[in-house]
């Protein structure tokens, strides 16, 4: 961990020790939060760490569905979301009633739910997935005649292209990734002809077709570490640039679009984390009637990851 911390960062670290807590942060969080996290990662890594940590308190620097997942996997722990209004527009594109109707329309389908979804949606699902393991999860469902992938249609179409399964995509999308247009990528490629282009599978198919690498946030970071990569156009939320530059000094990383900025991921500040820990406020707790079926879907994913 960086030893050149500010007074506020040091205070948070002291509070974490005092409360027997750990700070989990997503790569899309503010850089000053990433720098003091106990666990830093993408949705898959954070889910796995939330399930196995021995800390009494989990402070989630992320968005609401991530804190819910931590509560689902660790019901005996206190889960704090320092900014309770940090939501996910993608998760909001599907409601339980709509999913129940889709399941009635497709009775032989297996429901694969992207982790970017509410606990209530996970509870109605057969298995969860992340962008890092979606292809593997879909390929594991040998007995399913067809697969309903929710809520991100772009991820579903990407997975469909990587498998021979019949996949029904939901109509949702991440507005941050979906707003990246192929024309914008082509213009950036022309401006930076030596740069490779790495994209997240939540981007549109025509954008992914232009990519030298398609993968999860962690996958993009690993790809950037290759010796052959010296300059990269980054097709995902700009928060990942902090780690890319930190881990790869001397390399050049350029956002594919200045518009790829998630306001929800940036809602949490150091002050929010400090205050949440001081007062043990903004607890996220999933009730058992939702938690237990949702945990089955998450456990099935983790067993395959």
Protein backbone atom coordinates (compact mmCIF):
# COMPACT_ATOMS: atom_id res chain seq x y z
CA UNK A 1 0.00 0.00 0.00
CA UNK A 2 1.21 3.54 -0.78
CA UNK A 3 2.87 4.99 2.33
CA UNK A 4 2.43 8.61 1.18
CA UNK A 5 -1.15 8.82 2.38
CA UNK A 6 -3.13 11.91 3.28
CA UNK A 7 -4.43 12.51 6.80
CA UNK A 8 -7.92 11.46 5.69
CA UNK A 9 -6.65 8.25 4.13
CA UNK A 10 -4.66 7.44 7.29
CA UNK A 11 -7.73 8.08 9.43
CA UNK A 12 -9.72 5.62 7.33
CA UNK A 13 -7.01 2.99 7.67
CA UNK A 14 -7.07 3.50 11.45
CA UNK A 15 -10.85 3.16 11.52
CA UNK A 16 -10.70 -0.03 9.47
CA UNK A 17 -8.34 -1.58 12.02
CA UNK A 18 -10.45 -0.36 14.92
CA UNK A 19 -13.70 -1.76 13.50
CA UNK A 20 -12.20 -5.08 12.31
CA UNK A 21 -13.15 -4.00 8.81
CA UNK A 22 -11.75 -4.25 5.30
CA UNK A 23 -12.28 -1.89 2.39
CA UNK A 24 -13.20 -3.50 -0.92
CA UNK A 25 -12.96 -1.20 -3.95
CA UNK A 26 -13.79 -1.61 -7.61
CA UNK A 27 -11.34 -0.51 -10.29
CA UNK A 28 -13.81 2.19 -11.35
CA UNK A 29 -13.61 3.98 -7.99
CA UNK A 30 -11.68 7.21 -7.42
CA UNK A 31 -7.91 6.76 -7.40
CA UNK A 32 -7.52 7.95 -3.80
CA UNK A 33 -9.91 5.19 -2.71
CA UNK A 34 -8.20 2.53 -4.78
CA UNK A 35 -4.91 3.45 -3.11
CA UNK A 36 -6.10 2.48 0.39
CA UNK A 37 -8.25 -0.54 -0.42
CA UNK A 38 -7.55 -3.88 1.24
CA UNK A 39 -9.03 -5.64 -1.77
CA UNK A 40 -9.05 -4.03 -5.20
CA UNK A 41 -10.62 -5.78 -8.15
CA UNK A 42 -13.44 -6.31 -10.60
CA UNK A 43 -16.85 -7.74 -9.72
CA UNK A 44 -15.67 -11.37 -9.74
CA UNK A 45 -12.63 -10.80 -7.53
CA UNK A 46 -14.60 -8.68 -5.07
CA UNK A 47 -17.37 -11.29 -4.83
CA UNK A 48 -14.85 -14.03 -4.12
CA UNK A 49 -13.04 -12.00 -1.48
CA UNK A 50 -16.30 -10.99 0.19
CA UNK A 51 -17.15 -14.68 0.51
CA UNK A 52 -13.91 -15.73 2.20
CA UNK A 53 -12.72 -12.79 4.29
CA UNK A 54 -12.69 -13.16 8.08
CA UNK A 55 -13.21 -9.44 8.74
CA UNK A 56 -16.29 -8.54 10.78
CA UNK A 57 -17.19 -5.49 8.67
CA UNK A 58 -17.08 -5.12 4.88
CA UNK A 59 -16.95 -1.58 3.51
CA UNK A 60 -17.84 -1.61 -0.17
CA UNK A 61 -16.53 1.17 -2.37
CA UNK A 62 -18.68 0.33 -5.35
CA UNK A 63 -22.37 0.36 -6.17
CA UNK A 64 -25.44 -1.10 -4.52
CA UNK A 65 -25.54 -4.51 -6.23
CA UNK A 66 -21.95 -5.16 -5.09
CA UNK A 67 -22.81 -4.48 -1.45
CA UNK A 68 -25.89 -6.69 -1.82
CA UNK A 69 -23.72 -9.51 -3.17
CA UNK A 70 -21.42 -9.18 -0.16
CA UNK A 71 -24.43 -9.37 2.17
CA UNK A 72 -25.76 -12.42 0.32
CA UNK A 73 -22.46 -14.27 0.61
CA UNK A 74 -21.61 -13.13 4.15
CA UNK A 75 -24.88 -12.73 6.10
CA UNK A 76 -23.03 -12.81 9.42
CA UNK A 77 -20.99 -9.72 8.54
CA UNK A 78 -21.92 -6.05 8.54
CA UNK A 79 -21.80 -4.62 5.02
CA UNK A 80 -21.52 -0.86 4.59
CA UNK A 81 -22.15 1.07 1.38
CA UNK A 82 -20.83 4.57 2.20
CA UNK A 83 -23.10 6.22 -0.36
CA UNK A 84 -26.46 4.43 -0.37
CA UNK A 85 -27.60 6.11 -3.61
CA UNK A 86 -24.70 4.64 -5.60
CA UNK A 87 -26.76 2.53 -7.98
CA UNK A 88 -26.34 0.88 -11.37
CA UNK A 89 -28.42 1.96 -14.40
CA UNK A 90 -27.81 -1.45 -16.00
CA UNK A 91 -29.22 -3.29 -12.98
CA UNK A 92 -32.28 -1.04 -13.17
CA UNK A 93 -33.17 -2.29 -16.68
CA UNK A 94 -34.86 -5.41 -15.32
CA UNK A 95 -37.52 -5.86 -12.64
CA UNK A 96 -38.55 -9.17 -11.00
CA UNK A 97 -41.99 -9.04 -12.63
CA UNK A 98 -40.45 -8.75 -16.09
CA UNK A 99 -38.09 -11.64 -15.44
CA UNK A 100 -40.92 -13.85 -14.15
CA UNK A 101 -42.88 -13.11 -17.33
CA UNK A 102 -39.86 -13.97 -19.50
CA UNK A 103 -39.41 -17.26 -17.66
CA UNK A 104 -43.05 -18.14 -18.36
CA UNK A 105 -42.53 -17.36 -22.05
CA UNK A 106 -39.39 -19.53 -22.15
CA UNK A 107 -40.05 -22.44 -19.74
CA UNK A 108 -37.04 -24.48 -20.94
CA UNK A 109 -34.55 -21.70 -20.53
CA UNK A 110 -31.76 -21.37 -17.99
CA UNK A 111 -31.42 -17.86 -16.60
CA UNK A 112 -27.83 -16.58 -16.50
CA UNK A 113 -27.69 -13.29 -14.64
CA UNK A 114 -24.86 -10.82 -14.87
CA UNK A 115 -23.68 -9.91 -11.39
CA UNK A 116 -24.61 -6.30 -12.23
CA UNK A 117 -28.16 -6.95 -11.02
CA UNK A 118 -30.24 -6.64 -7.89
CA UNK A 119 -30.50 -9.33 -5.23
CA UNK A 120 -34.16 -9.82 -6.18
CA UNK A 121 -33.15 -10.68 -9.76
CA UNK A 122 -30.37 -13.01 -8.63
CA UNK A 123 -32.93 -14.84 -6.48
CA UNK A 124 -34.93 -15.71 -9.62
CA UNK A 125 -31.86 -16.90 -11.55
CA UNK A 126 -30.18 -20.24 -12.11
CA UNK A 127 -26.62 -18.94 -12.00
CA UNK A 128 -24.78 -15.63 -11.97
CA UNK A 129 -21.83 -14.59 -14.12
CA UNK A 130 -19.39 -11.75 -14.55
CA UNK A 131 -17.76 -10.45 -17.69
CA UNK A 132 -14.69 -12.50 -16.73
CA UNK A 133 -16.44 -15.87 -16.56
CA UNK A 134 -19.62 -15.50 -18.65
CA UNK A 135 -18.45 -17.77 -21.50
CA UNK A 136 -17.36 -20.45 -19.03
CA UNK A 137 -20.64 -20.26 -17.13
CA UNK A 138 -22.75 -20.55 -20.29
CA UNK A 139 -20.69 -23.49 -21.56
CA UNK A 140 -21.24 -25.29 -18.24
CA UNK A 141 -25.03 -25.41 -18.74
CA UNK A 142 -25.05 -28.59 -20.82
CA UNK A 143 -28.70 -29.48 -20.29
CA UNK A 144 -30.25 -26.11 -21.09
CA UNK A 145 -32.03 -25.90 -24.45
CA UNK A 146 -31.73 -22.14 -24.46
CA UNK A 147 -30.23 -19.50 -22.20
CA UNK A 148 -31.72 -16.19 -21.18
CA UNK A 149 -28.87 -13.80 -20.39
CA UNK A 150 -29.83 -10.77 -18.34
CA UNK A 151 -29.68 -7.82 -18.09
CA UNK A 152 -26.83 -6.77 -20.45
CA UNK A 153 -27.69 -7.45 -24.08
CA UNK A 154 -24.21 -6.53 -25.32
CA UNK A 155 -22.56 -9.06 -23.02
CA UNK A 156 -25.11 -11.68 -24.10
CA UNK A 157 -24.33 -11.06 -27.78
CA UNK A 158 -20.59 -11.25 -27.09
CA UNK A 159 -21.01 -14.59 -25.29
CA UNK A 160 -23.26 -15.87 -28.08
CA UNK A 161 -20.44 -15.25 -30.53
CA UNK A 162 -18.04 -17.27 -28.36
CA UNK A 163 -20.29 -20.31 -27.92
CA UNK A 164 -22.67 -22.46 -29.96
CA UNK A 165 -25.50 -22.01 -27.47
CA UNK A 166 -28.91 -20.51 -28.18
CA UNK A 167 -28.83 -17.30 -26.16
CA UNK A 168 -31.72 -14.87 -25.70
CA UNK A 169 -30.33 -11.43 -24.83
CA UNK A 170 -32.16 -9.04 -22.55
CA UNK A 171 -32.67 -5.50 -23.80
CA UNK A 172 -30.59 -3.74 -21.15
CA UNK A 173 -27.17 -2.18 -21.45
CA UNK A 174 -24.63 -0.26 -19.43
CA UNK A 175 -25.06 3.34 -20.61
CA UNK A 176 -21.37 4.06 -20.03
CA UNK A 177 -20.11 1.26 -22.28
CA UNK A 178 -23.00 1.38 -24.74
CA UNK A 179 -22.36 5.05 -25.54
CA UNK A 180 -18.94 4.26 -27.06
CA UNK A 181 -19.47 4.38 -30.82
CA UNK A 182 -17.44 2.64 -33.51
CA UNK A 183 -16.87 5.97 -35.29
CA UNK A 184 -15.34 7.39 -32.12
CA UNK A 185 -12.99 4.41 -31.81
CA UNK A 186 -11.95 4.69 -35.46
CA UNK A 187 -11.18 8.39 -34.99
CA UNK A 188 -9.05 7.61 -31.92
CA UNK A 189 -7.26 4.82 -33.79
CA UNK A 190 -6.42 7.24 -36.58
CA UNK A 191 -5.10 9.72 -34.03
CA UNK A 192 -3.06 7.05 -32.21
CA UNK A 193 -2.05 4.56 -34.92
CA UNK A 194 0.42 2.67 -32.72
CA UNK A 195 -2.08 2.05 -29.92
CA UNK A 196 -3.85 -1.24 -29.38
CA UNK A 197 -7.52 -1.07 -28.45
CA UNK A 198 -8.85 -3.01 -25.44
CA UNK A 199 -12.60 -3.10 -24.84
CA UNK A 200 -15.00 -4.41 -22.23
CA UNK A 201 -17.66 -6.86 -23.50
CA UNK A 202 -20.41 -4.49 -22.33
CA UNK A 203 -19.55 -2.40 -25.41
CA UNK A 204 -21.55 -2.65 -28.61
CA UNK A 205 -20.72 -5.50 -31.05
CA UNK A 206 -19.43 -3.11 -33.72
CA UNK A 207 -17.04 -1.62 -31.16
CA UNK A 208 -15.82 -5.04 -30.02
CA UNK A 209 -15.15 -5.91 -33.67
CA UNK A 210 -12.49 -3.16 -33.69
CA UNK A 211 -10.74 -4.38 -30.54
CA UNK A 212 -7.36 -6.05 -30.29
CA UNK A 213 -8.46 -7.44 -26.94
CA UNK A 214 -11.89 -7.94 -25.35
CA UNK A 215 -12.14 -8.77 -21.67
CA UNK A 216 -13.12 -7.89 -18.14
CA UNK A 217 -11.53 -5.00 -16.27
CA UNK A 218 -8.98 -7.35 -14.73
CA UNK A 219 -8.38 -8.92 -18.12
CA UNK A 220 -7.67 -5.50 -19.63
CA UNK A 221 -5.17 -4.76 -16.84
CA UNK A 222 -3.39 -8.07 -17.46
CA UNK A 223 -3.32 -7.45 -21.20
CA UNK A 224 -1.78 -4.03 -20.60
CA UNK A 225 1.08 -5.69 -18.73
CA UNK A 226 2.32 -7.54 -21.81
CA UNK A 227 5.66 -6.35 -23.14
CA UNK A 228 4.19 -5.90 -26.61
CA UNK A 229 1.70 -3.31 -25.33
CA UNK A 230 3.23 0.14 -25.06
CA UNK A 231 0.24 2.33 -25.96
CA UNK A 232 -3.42 1.48 -25.41
CA UNK A 233 -6.83 2.91 -26.13
CA UNK A 234 -9.01 1.90 -23.18
CA UNK A 235 -12.64 1.01 -23.91
CA UNK A 236 -14.05 0.89 -20.41
CA UNK A 237 -14.82 3.21 -17.50
CA UNK A 238 -12.02 5.69 -16.90
CA UNK A 239 -11.41 4.66 -13.29
CA UNK A 240 -9.28 1.75 -14.53
CA UNK A 241 -6.75 4.22 -15.94
CA UNK A 242 -5.47 4.81 -12.40
CA UNK A 243 -4.33 1.20 -12.05
CA UNK A 244 -3.15 0.89 -15.64
CA UNK A 245 -0.80 3.85 -15.21
CA UNK A 246 0.23 2.84 -11.71
CA UNK A 247 1.15 -0.70 -12.72
CA UNK A 248 2.72 0.19 -16.06
CA UNK A 249 4.96 3.25 -15.71
CA UNK A 250 6.34 4.33 -19.04
CA UNK A 251 3.35 3.07 -21.02
CA UNK A 252 0.64 5.30 -22.48
CA UNK A 253 -3.05 4.78 -21.75
CA UNK A 254 -5.71 6.85 -23.47
CA UNK A 255 -9.48 6.68 -22.85
CA UNK A 256 -11.30 5.65 -26.02
CA UNK A 257 -13.88 8.24 -25.05
CA UNK A 258 -13.93 10.99 -22.47
CA UNK A 259 -17.62 10.18 -21.99
CA UNK A 260 -16.91 6.78 -20.38
CA UNK A 261 -17.32 8.03 -16.83
CA UNK A 262 -19.77 6.42 -14.40
CA UNK A 263 -21.21 8.99 -12.01
CA UNK A 264 -22.50 6.25 -9.71
CA UNK A 265 -19.06 4.69 -9.38
CA UNK A 266 -17.64 8.10 -8.48
CA UNK A 267 -20.28 8.98 -5.86
CA UNK A 268 -18.30 7.60 -2.93
CA UNK A 269 -15.62 9.89 -1.49
CA UNK A 270 -13.03 9.43 1.24
CA UNK A 271 -15.24 11.48 3.56
CA UNK A 272 -18.18 9.14 2.89
CA UNK A 273 -16.06 6.11 3.81
CA UNK A 274 -14.77 7.79 6.95
CA UNK A 275 -18.23 8.83 8.12
CA UNK A 276 -19.74 5.44 7.32
CA UNK A 277 -17.09 3.73 9.45
CA UNK A 278 -17.28 6.24 12.28
CA UNK A 279 -21.04 5.87 12.66
CA UNK A 280 -21.41 2.34 11.22
CA UNK A 281 -24.13 3.73 8.97
CA UNK A 282 -25.57 2.81 5.58
CA UNK A 283 -25.79 -0.91 6.28
CA UNK A 284 -26.87 -3.14 3.39
CA UNK A 285 -28.71 -6.28 4.52
CA UNK A 286 -30.50 -8.66 2.17
CA UNK A 287 -33.47 -10.46 3.83
CA UNK A 288 -33.27 -14.26 3.95
CA UNK A 289 -36.25 -14.82 1.64
CA UNK A 290 -34.22 -13.13 -1.12
CA UNK A 291 -30.73 -13.91 0.14
CA UNK A 292 -31.02 -17.71 0.22
CA UNK A 293 -32.12 -18.25 -3.43
CA UNK A 294 -29.77 -15.48 -4.60
CA UNK A 295 -26.90 -17.18 -2.78
CA UNK A 296 -27.55 -20.40 -4.69
CA UNK A 297 -27.03 -18.54 -7.97
CA UNK A 298 -23.87 -16.84 -6.70
CA UNK A 299 -22.49 -20.03 -5.15
CA UNK A 300 -22.99 -21.88 -8.40
CA UNK A 301 -21.00 -19.17 -10.20
CA UNK A 302 -18.21 -19.22 -7.61
CA UNK A 303 -17.93 -23.00 -7.80
CA UNK A 304 -17.25 -22.66 -11.53
CA UNK A 305 -14.82 -19.74 -11.23
